[in-house]
Structure formats: structure tokens, C-alpha cells
PDB file of N, CA and C in Angstrom:
ATOM      1  N   MET A   1      38.738   5.320 -25.492  1.00  0.00           N
ATOM      2  CA  MET A   1      39.322   4.647 -26.642  1.00  0.00           C
ATOM      3  C   MET A   1      40.767   5.138 -26.820  1.00  0.00           C
ATOM      4  N   ALA A   2      41.654   4.230 -27.104  1.00  0.00           N
ATOM      5  CA  ALA A   2      43.074   4.551 -27.272  1.00  0.00           C
ATOM      6  C   ALA A   2      43.287   5.332 -28.568  1.00  0.00           C
ATOM      7  N   MET A   3      44.200   6.291 -28.508  1.00  0.00           N
ATOM      8  CA  MET A   3      44.535   7.104 -29.681  1.00  0.00           C
ATOM      9  C   MET A   3      45.381   6.256 -30.628  1.00  0.00           C
ATOM     10  N   PRO A   4      45.128   6.341 -31.937  1.00  0.00           N
ATOM     11  CA  PRO A   4      45.941   5.578 -32.898  1.00  0.00           C
ATOM     12  C   PRO A   4      47.422   5.951 -32.780  1.00  0.00           C
ATOM     13  N   ALA A   5      48.274   4.976 -33.058  1.00  0.00           N
ATOM     14  CA  ALA A   5      49.722   5.167 -32.913  1.00  0.00           C
ATOM     15  C   ALA A   5      50.239   6.314 -33.781  1.00  0.00           C
ATOM     16  N   PHE A   6      49.721   6.466 -34.994  1.00  0.00           N
ATOM     17  CA  PHE A   6      50.237   7.523 -35.861  1.00  0.00           C
ATOM     18  C   PHE A   6      49.915   8.908 -35.295  1.00  0.00           C
ATOM     19  N   LEU A   7      48.777   9.044 -34.614  1.00  0.00           N
ATOM     20  CA  LEU A   7      48.454  10.329 -33.992  1.00  0.00           C
ATOM     21  C   LEU A   7      49.343  10.593 -32.778  1.00  0.00           C
ATOM     22  N   ARG A   8      49.617   9.556 -32.007  1.00  0.00           N
ATOM     23  CA  ARG A   8      50.521   9.718 -30.860  1.00  0.00           C
ATOM     24  C   ARG A   8      51.920  10.081 -31.335  1.00  0.00           C
ATOM     25  N   LEU A   9      52.361   9.454 -32.426  1.00  0.00           N
ATOM     26  CA  LEU A   9      53.678   9.766 -32.988  1.00  0.00           C
ATOM     27  C   LEU A   9      53.716  11.216 -33.459  1.00  0.00           C
ATOM     28  N   ARG A  10      52.651  11.689 -34.095  1.00  0.00           N
ATOM     29  CA  ARG A  10      52.568  13.081 -34.542  1.00  0.00           C
ATOM     30  C   ARG A  10      52.628  14.029 -33.335  1.00  0.00           C
ATOM     31  N   GLN A  11      51.888  13.706 -32.272  1.00  0.00           N
ATOM     32  CA  GLN A  11      51.910  14.526 -31.064  1.00  0.00           C
ATOM     33  C   GLN A  11      53.309  14.565 -30.459  1.00  0.00           C
ATOM     34  N   GLU A  12      53.970  13.424 -30.437  1.00  0.00           N
ATOM     35  CA  GLU A  12      55.315  13.361 -29.869  1.00  0.00           C
ATOM     36  C   GLU A  12      56.296  14.173 -30.716  1.00  0.00           C
ATOM     37  N   ALA A  13      56.158  14.113 -32.031  1.00  0.00           N
ATOM     38  CA  ALA A  13      57.029  14.900 -32.910  1.00  0.00           C
ATOM     39  C   ALA A  13      56.792  16.395 -32.677  1.00  0.00           C
ATOM     40  N   ASP A  14      55.538  16.786 -32.518  1.00  0.00           N
ATOM     41  CA  ASP A  14      55.232  18.195 -32.232  1.00  0.00           C
ATOM     42  C   ASP A  14      55.831  18.621 -30.896  1.00  0.00           C
ATOM     43  N   LEU A  15      55.718  17.763 -29.891  1.00  0.00           N
ATOM     44  CA  LEU A  15      56.279  18.057 -28.574  1.00  0.00           C
ATOM     45  C   LEU A  15      57.804  18.190 -28.648  1.00  0.00           C
ATOM     46  N   MET A  16      58.442  17.273 -29.374  1.00  0.00           N
ATOM     47  CA  MET A  16      59.896  17.319 -29.518  1.00  0.00           C
ATOM     48  C   MET A  16      60.332  18.623 -30.195  1.00  0.00           C
ATOM     49  N   GLU A  17      59.574  19.057 -31.202  1.00  0.00           N
ATOM     50  CA  GLU A  17      59.919  20.296 -31.887  1.00  0.00           C
ATOM     51  C   GLU A  17      59.785  21.493 -30.947  1.00  0.00           C
ATOM     52  N   ARG A  18      58.688  21.553 -30.189  1.00  0.00           N
ATOM     53  CA  ARG A  18      58.518  22.648 -29.227  1.00  0.00           C
ATOM     54  C   ARG A  18      59.621  22.610 -28.174  1.00  0.00           C
ATOM     55  N   PHE A  19      59.946  21.418 -27.704  1.00  0.00           N
ATOM     56  CA  PHE A  19      61.001  21.254 -26.703  1.00  0.00           C
ATOM     57  C   PHE A  19      62.337  21.767 -27.218  1.00  0.00           C
ATOM     58  N   THR A  20      62.695  21.363 -28.429  1.00  0.00           N
ATOM     59  CA  THR A  20      63.997  21.780 -28.960  1.00  0.00           C
ATOM     60  C   THR A  20      64.051  23.285 -29.181  1.00  0.00           C
ATOM     61  N   GLN A  21      62.965  23.864 -29.651  1.00  0.00           N
ATOM     62  CA  GLN A  21      62.940  25.309 -29.853  1.00  0.00           C
ATOM     63  C   GLN A  21      63.073  26.039 -28.520  1.00  0.00           C
ATOM     64  N   THR A  22      62.355  25.587 -27.511  1.00  0.00           N
ATOM     65  CA  THR A  22      62.412  26.213 -26.191  1.00  0.00           C
ATOM     66  C   THR A  22      63.806  26.119 -25.598  1.00  0.00           C
ATOM     67  N   TYR A  23      64.409  24.938 -25.657  1.00  0.00           N
ATOM     68  CA  TYR A  23      65.727  24.772 -25.057  1.00  0.00           C
ATOM     69  C   TYR A  23      66.826  25.456 -25.862  1.00  0.00           C
ATOM     70  N   ARG A  24      66.658  25.575 -27.165  1.00  0.00           N
ATOM     71  CA  ARG A  24      67.647  26.341 -27.945  1.00  0.00           C
ATOM     72  C   ARG A  24      67.665  27.781 -27.472  1.00  0.00           C
ATOM     73  N   LEU A  25      66.482  28.341 -27.195  1.00  0.00           N
ATOM     74  CA  LEU A  25      66.412  29.713 -26.681  1.00  0.00           C
ATOM     75  C   LEU A  25      67.048  29.811 -25.293  1.00  0.00           C
ATOM     76  N   LYS A  26      66.772  28.821 -24.443  1.00  0.00           N
ATOM     77  CA  LYS A  26      67.358  28.830 -23.097  1.00  0.00           C
ATOM     78  C   LYS A  26      68.879  28.738 -23.163  1.00  0.00           C
ATOM     79  N   PHE A  27      69.376  27.846 -23.997  1.00  0.00           N
ATOM     80  CA  PHE A  27      70.827  27.700 -24.117  1.00  0.00           C
ATOM     81  C   PHE A  27      71.447  28.952 -24.737  1.00  0.00           C
ATOM     82  N   ALA A  28      70.768  29.556 -25.705  1.00  0.00           N
ATOM     83  CA  ALA A  28      71.282  30.787 -26.298  1.00  0.00           C
ATOM     84  C   ALA A  28      71.404  31.871 -25.232  1.00  0.00           C
ATOM     85  N   ASN A  29      70.415  31.924 -24.345  1.00  0.00           N
ATOM     86  CA  ASN A  29      70.453  32.906 -23.255  1.00  0.00           C
ATOM     87  C   ASN A  29      71.634  32.642 -22.329  1.00  0.00           C
ATOM     88  N   VAL A  30      71.850  31.383 -21.974  1.00  0.00           N
ATOM     89  CA  VAL A  30      72.969  31.033 -21.090  1.00  0.00           C
ATOM     90  C   VAL A  30      74.302  31.350 -21.767  1.00  0.00           C
ATOM     91  N   ILE A  31      74.405  31.045 -23.048  1.00  0.00           N
ATOM     92  CA  ILE A  31      75.644  31.319 -23.784  1.00  0.00           C
ATOM     93  C   ILE A  31      75.920  32.829 -23.800  1.00  0.00           C
ATOM     94  N   ASP A  32      74.879  33.604 -24.053  1.00  0.00           N
ATOM     95  CA  ASP A  32      75.049  35.065 -24.033  1.00  0.00           C
ATOM     96  C   ASP A  32      75.512  35.545 -22.660  1.00  0.00           C
ATOM     97  N   ARG A  33      74.922  34.993 -21.605  1.00  0.00           N
ATOM     98  CA  ARG A  33      75.304  35.387 -20.245  1.00  0.00           C
ATOM     99  C   ARG A  33      76.733  34.959 -19.927  1.00  0.00           C
ATOM    100  N   LEU A  34      77.121  33.792 -20.402  1.00  0.00           N
ATOM    101  CA  LEU A  34      78.494  33.347 -20.178  1.00  0.00           C
ATOM    102  C   LEU A  34      79.494  34.241 -20.905  1.00  0.00           C
ATOM    103  N   ASN A  35      79.104  34.695 -22.078  1.00  0.00           N
ATOM    104  CA  ASN A  35      79.987  35.570 -22.857  1.00  0.00           C
ATOM    105  C   ASN A  35      80.102  36.970 -22.252  1.00  0.00           C
ATOM    106  N   ALA A  36      79.110  37.364 -21.477  1.00  0.00           N
ATOM    107  CA  ALA A  36      79.133  38.671 -20.803  1.00  0.00           C
ATOM    108  C   ALA A  36      79.524  38.421 -19.349  1.00  0.00           C
ATOM    109  N   ALA A  37      80.758  38.203 -19.083  1.00  0.00           N
ATOM    110  CA  ALA A  37      81.292  37.730 -17.804  1.00  0.00           C
ATOM    111  C   ALA A  37      80.754  38.427 -16.555  1.00  0.00           C
ATOM    112  N   ALA A  38      80.229  39.627 -16.665  1.00  0.00           N
ATOM    113  CA  ALA A  38      79.791  40.370 -15.474  1.00  0.00           C
ATOM    114  C   ALA A  38      78.758  39.610 -14.644  1.00  0.00           C
ATOM    115  N   ASP A  39      77.751  39.043 -15.285  1.00  0.00           N
ATOM    116  CA  ASP A  39      76.728  38.308 -14.511  1.00  0.00           C
ATOM    117  C   ASP A  39      76.581  36.871 -15.011  1.00  0.00           C
ATOM    118  N   ALA A  40      77.698  36.236 -15.280  1.00  0.00           N
ATOM    119  CA  ALA A  40      77.696  34.864 -15.788  1.00  0.00           C
ATOM    120  C   ALA A  40      76.966  33.938 -14.814  1.00  0.00           C
ATOM    121  N   PRO A  41      76.154  33.017 -15.343  1.00  0.00           N
ATOM    122  CA  PRO A  41      75.433  32.095 -14.465  1.00  0.00           C
ATOM    123  C   PRO A  41      76.399  31.157 -13.738  1.00  0.00           C
ATOM    124  N   THR A  42      75.939  30.642 -12.627  1.00  0.00           N
ATOM    125  CA  THR A  42      76.781  29.732 -11.870  1.00  0.00           C
ATOM    126  C   THR A  42      76.893  28.396 -12.585  1.00  0.00           C
ATOM    127  N   ASP A  43      77.912  27.645 -12.229  1.00  0.00           N
ATOM    128  CA  ASP A  43      78.076  26.306 -12.794  1.00  0.00           C
ATOM    129  C   ASP A  43      76.851  25.453 -12.528  1.00  0.00           C
ATOM    130  N   LEU A  44      76.272  25.583 -11.348  1.00  0.00           N
ATOM    131  CA  LEU A  44      75.095  24.790 -10.981  1.00  0.00           C
ATOM    132  C   LEU A  44      73.916  25.101 -11.901  1.00  0.00           C
ATOM    133  N   GLN A  45      73.723  26.361 -12.256  1.00  0.00           N
ATOM    134  CA  GLN A  45      72.643  26.717 -13.178  1.00  0.00           C
ATOM    135  C   GLN A  45      72.852  26.072 -14.545  1.00  0.00           C
ATOM    136  N   CYS A  46      74.088  26.099 -15.020  1.00  0.00           N
ATOM    137  CA  CYS A  46      74.398  25.497 -16.318  1.00  0.00           C
ATOM    138  C   CYS A  46      74.189  23.985 -16.288  1.00  0.00           C
ATOM    139  N   VAL A  47      74.665  23.354 -15.240  1.00  0.00           N
ATOM    140  CA  VAL A  47      74.513  21.900 -15.107  1.00  0.00           C
ATOM    141  C   VAL A  47      73.034  21.532 -15.030  1.00  0.00           C
ATOM    142  N   ARG A  48      72.261  22.278 -14.253  1.00  0.00           N
ATOM    143  CA  ARG A  48      70.826  21.997 -14.113  1.00  0.00           C
ATOM    144  C   ARG A  48      70.130  22.086 -15.466  1.00  0.00           C
ATOM    145  N   LEU A  49      70.424  23.119 -16.233  1.00  0.00           N
ATOM    146  CA  LEU A  49      69.819  23.284 -17.546  1.00  0.00           C
ATOM    147  C   LEU A  49      70.170  22.120 -18.464  1.00  0.00           C
ATOM    148  N   CYS A  50      71.416  21.697 -18.451  1.00  0.00           N
ATOM    149  CA  CYS A  50      71.851  20.566 -19.289  1.00  0.00           C
ATOM    150  C   CYS A  50      71.181  19.264 -18.867  1.00  0.00           C
ATOM    151  N   VAL A  51      71.146  19.009 -17.564  1.00  0.00           N
ATOM    152  CA  VAL A  51      70.524  17.775 -17.066  1.00  0.00           C
ATOM    153  C   VAL A  51      69.032  17.760 -17.393  1.00  0.00           C
ATOM    154  N   GLU A  52      68.372  18.898 -17.213  1.00  0.00           N
ATOM    155  CA  GLU A  52      66.953  19.011 -17.523  1.00  0.00           C
ATOM    156  C   GLU A  52      66.702  18.713 -18.996  1.00  0.00           C
ATOM    157  N   ALA A  53      67.516  19.281 -19.871  1.00  0.00           N
ATOM    158  CA  ALA A  53      67.360  19.078 -21.309  1.00  0.00           C
ATOM    159  C   ALA A  53      67.586  17.620 -21.695  1.00  0.00           C
ATOM    160  N   VAL A  54      68.621  17.007 -21.170  1.00  0.00           N
ATOM    161  CA  VAL A  54      68.903  15.602 -21.485  1.00  0.00           C
ATOM    162  C   VAL A  54      67.777  14.706 -20.977  1.00  0.00           C
ATOM    163  N   ASN A  55      67.280  14.972 -19.787  1.00  0.00           N
ATOM    164  CA  ASN A  55      66.185  14.175 -19.238  1.00  0.00           C
ATOM    165  C   ASN A  55      64.954  14.247 -20.137  1.00  0.00           C
ATOM    166  N   MET A  56      64.615  15.438 -20.613  1.00  0.00           N
ATOM    167  CA  MET A  56      63.453  15.583 -21.487  1.00  0.00           C
ATOM    168  C   MET A  56      63.687  14.916 -22.839  1.00  0.00           C
ATOM    169  N   MET A  57      64.910  14.983 -23.360  1.00  0.00           N
ATOM    170  CA  MET A  57      65.202  14.303 -24.624  1.00  0.00           C
ATOM    171  C   MET A  57      65.058  12.793 -24.478  1.00  0.00           C
ATOM    172  N   LEU A  58      65.562  12.254 -23.384  1.00  0.00           N
ATOM    173  CA  LEU A  58      65.446  10.813 -23.158  1.00  0.00           C
ATOM    174  C   LEU A  58      63.986  10.394 -23.025  1.00  0.00           C
ATOM    175  N   ASP A  59      63.184  11.181 -22.345  1.00  0.00           N
ATOM    176  CA  ASP A  59      61.768  10.881 -22.196  1.00  0.00           C
ATOM    177  C   ASP A  59      61.074  10.904 -23.555  1.00  0.00           C
ATOM    178  N   SER A  60      61.383  11.906 -24.373  1.00  0.00           N
ATOM    179  CA  SER A  60      60.791  11.988 -25.709  1.00  0.00           C
ATOM    180  C   SER A  60      61.195  10.798 -26.570  1.00  0.00           C
ATOM    181  N   GLN A  61      62.462  10.416 -26.509  1.00  0.00           N
ATOM    182  CA  GLN A  61      62.929   9.279 -27.291  1.00  0.00           C
ATOM    183  C   GLN A  61      62.251   7.981 -26.860  1.00  0.00           C
ATOM    184  N   THR A  62      62.001   7.848 -25.562  1.00  0.00           N
ATOM    185  CA  THR A  62      61.288   6.674 -25.053  1.00  0.00           C
ATOM    186  C   THR A  62      59.880   6.615 -25.628  1.00  0.00           C
ATOM    187  N   GLN A  63      59.194   7.753 -25.638  1.00  0.00           N
ATOM    188  CA  GLN A  63      57.832   7.795 -26.171  1.00  0.00           C
ATOM    189  C   GLN A  63      57.811   7.486 -27.672  1.00  0.00           C
ATOM    190  N   VAL A  64      58.761   8.039 -28.408  1.00  0.00           N
ATOM    191  CA  VAL A  64      58.831   7.763 -29.850  1.00  0.00           C
ATOM    192  C   VAL A  64      59.097   6.277 -30.079  1.00  0.00           C
ATOM    193  N   ALA A  65      60.002   5.700 -29.323  1.00  0.00           N
ATOM    194  CA  ALA A  65      60.318   4.277 -29.479  1.00  0.00           C
ATOM    195  C   ALA A  65      59.094   3.406 -29.210  1.00  0.00           C
ATOM    196  N   ARG A  66      58.356   3.727 -28.173  1.00  0.00           N
ATOM    197  CA  ARG A  66      57.136   2.954 -27.869  1.00  0.00           C
ATOM    198  C   ARG A  66      56.124   3.047 -28.998  1.00  0.00           C
ATOM    199  N   THR A  67      55.924   4.245 -29.505  1.00  0.00           N
ATOM    200  CA  THR A  67      54.949   4.435 -30.572  1.00  0.00           C
ATOM    201  C   THR A  67      55.401   3.738 -31.854  1.00  0.00           C
ATOM    202  N   LEU A  68      56.676   3.858 -32.200  1.00  0.00           N
ATOM    203  CA  LEU A  68      57.180   3.165 -33.388  1.00  0.00           C
ATOM    204  C   LEU A  68      57.062   1.651 -33.242  1.00  0.00           C
ATOM    205  N   ARG A  69      57.296   1.144 -32.032  1.00  0.00           N
ATOM    206  CA  ARG A  69      57.155  -0.288 -31.792  1.00  0.00           C
ATOM    207  C   ARG A  69      55.705  -0.722 -32.030  1.00  0.00           C
ATOM    208  N   GLU A  70      54.755   0.088 -31.578  1.00  0.00           N
ATOM    209  CA  GLU A  70      53.341  -0.246 -31.783  1.00  0.00           C
ATOM    210  C   GLU A  70      52.988  -0.245 -33.269  1.00  0.00           C
ATOM    211  N   ILE A  71      53.531   0.716 -34.006  1.00  0.00           N
ATOM    212  CA  ILE A  71      53.285   0.751 -35.447  1.00  0.00           C
ATOM    213  C   ILE A  71      53.879  -0.489 -36.108  1.00  0.00           C
ATOM    214  N   ALA A  72      55.091  -0.849 -35.714  1.00  0.00           N
ATOM    215  CA  ALA A  72      55.739  -2.041 -36.273  1.00  0.00           C
ATOM    216  C   ALA A  72      54.965  -3.302 -35.905  1.00  0.00           C
ATOM    217  N   ASP A  73      54.451  -3.359 -34.684  1.00  0.00           N
ATOM    218  CA  ASP A  73      53.686  -4.520 -34.246  1.00  0.00           C
ATOM    219  C   ASP A  73      52.426  -4.715 -35.081  1.00  0.00           C
ATOM    220  N   ALA A  74      51.843  -3.626 -35.560  1.00  0.00           N
ATOM    221  CA  ALA A  74      50.644  -3.712 -36.370  1.00  0.00           C
ATOM    222  C   ALA A  74      50.948  -4.342 -37.728  1.00  0.00           C
ATOM    223  N   ASP A  75      52.220  -4.258 -38.161  1.00  0.00           N
ATOM    224  CA  ASP A  75      52.604  -4.768 -39.471  1.00  0.00           C
ATOM    225  C   ASP A  75      53.347  -6.104 -39.445  1.00  0.00           C
ATOM    226  N   GLY A  76      53.627  -6.623 -38.270  1.00  0.00           N
ATOM    227  CA  GLY A  76      54.402  -7.855 -38.235  1.00  0.00           C
ATOM    228  C   GLY A  76      54.304  -8.543 -36.896  1.00  0.00           C
ATOM    229  N   PRO A  77      55.045  -9.653 -36.730  1.00  0.00           N
ATOM    230  CA  PRO A  77      55.015 -10.399 -35.479  1.00  0.00           C
ATOM    231  C   PRO A  77      55.619  -9.604 -34.344  1.00  0.00           C
ATOM    232  N   ARG A  78      55.151  -9.846 -33.158  1.00  0.00           N
ATOM    233  CA  ARG A  78      55.630  -9.156 -31.958  1.00  0.00           C
ATOM    234  C   ARG A  78      56.988  -9.713 -31.548  1.00  0.00           C
ATOM    235  N   VAL A  79      57.953  -8.829 -31.339  1.00  0.00           N
ATOM    236  CA  VAL A  79      59.284  -9.195 -30.859  1.00  0.00           C
ATOM    237  C   VAL A  79      59.472  -8.521 -29.516  1.00  0.00           C
ATOM    238  N   PRO A  80      59.885  -9.251 -28.475  1.00  0.00           N
ATOM    239  CA  PRO A  80      60.053  -8.627 -27.157  1.00  0.00           C
ATOM    240  C   PRO A  80      61.068  -7.485 -27.196  1.00  0.00           C
ATOM    241  N   ALA A  81      60.770  -6.431 -26.441  1.00  0.00           N
ATOM    242  CA  ALA A  81      61.699  -5.303 -26.333  1.00  0.00           C
ATOM    243  C   ALA A  81      62.926  -5.735 -25.584  1.00  0.00           C
ATOM    244  N   ARG A  82      64.091  -5.164 -25.971  1.00  0.00           N
ATOM    245  CA  ARG A  82      65.334  -5.473 -25.276  1.00  0.00           C
ATOM    246  C   ARG A  82      65.368  -4.715 -23.963  1.00  0.00           C
ATOM    247  N   ALA A  83      65.918  -5.356 -22.958  1.00  0.00           N
ATOM    248  CA  ALA A  83      66.085  -4.679 -21.658  1.00  0.00           C
ATOM    249  C   ALA A  83      67.315  -3.784 -21.740  1.00  0.00           C
ATOM    250  N   ALA A  84      67.190  -2.615 -21.113  1.00  0.00           N
ATOM    251  CA  ALA A  84      68.324  -1.671 -21.125  1.00  0.00           C
ATOM    252  C   ALA A  84      69.311  -2.009 -20.048  1.00  0.00           C
TER     253      ALA A  84
END
């Protein structure tokens, strides 16, 4: 049986919160390392961390959009999603 949209939205919000907390700690660590020039991370490490974070944010936003669309569909007529 499919999980109700409001529960999926709650799960996604919880995931987004855990994600942001985790990445804030990771970025804080990188910032500290950059400020301590002796063992500063490479540019590639910084870029990888940023790309990883953006990719996860986009995935989370996609899931939230889908769930919100399902909630809206339950309350009104179906409107086709716009193509990106």
C-alpha cells in the first residue's frame, strides 16, 4: 500500500533537515581546514563536496515537489507538470 503524501512529505522534511545538518558540519570542517593553511584541502576536494551537496539538495527538492503536487492533486484538478 502506498504511503500517504503527508507522511512522505514529513519523511522528506526530516531527511532534508538531517542532510543540512550533516553538510553544515562538513563545510565547517572544510572552512576550518582552509583557514589553517598548513593542510588545506585540495580544490578538487572542495569542488566534490559542493557538487555532492548541490546534487542532494536538488534531489530533495524534486521529492518535495512531487509530494506537494500529489497533495495539491487531491484537492483540485490535475495540471500537467512543466518540463524542465
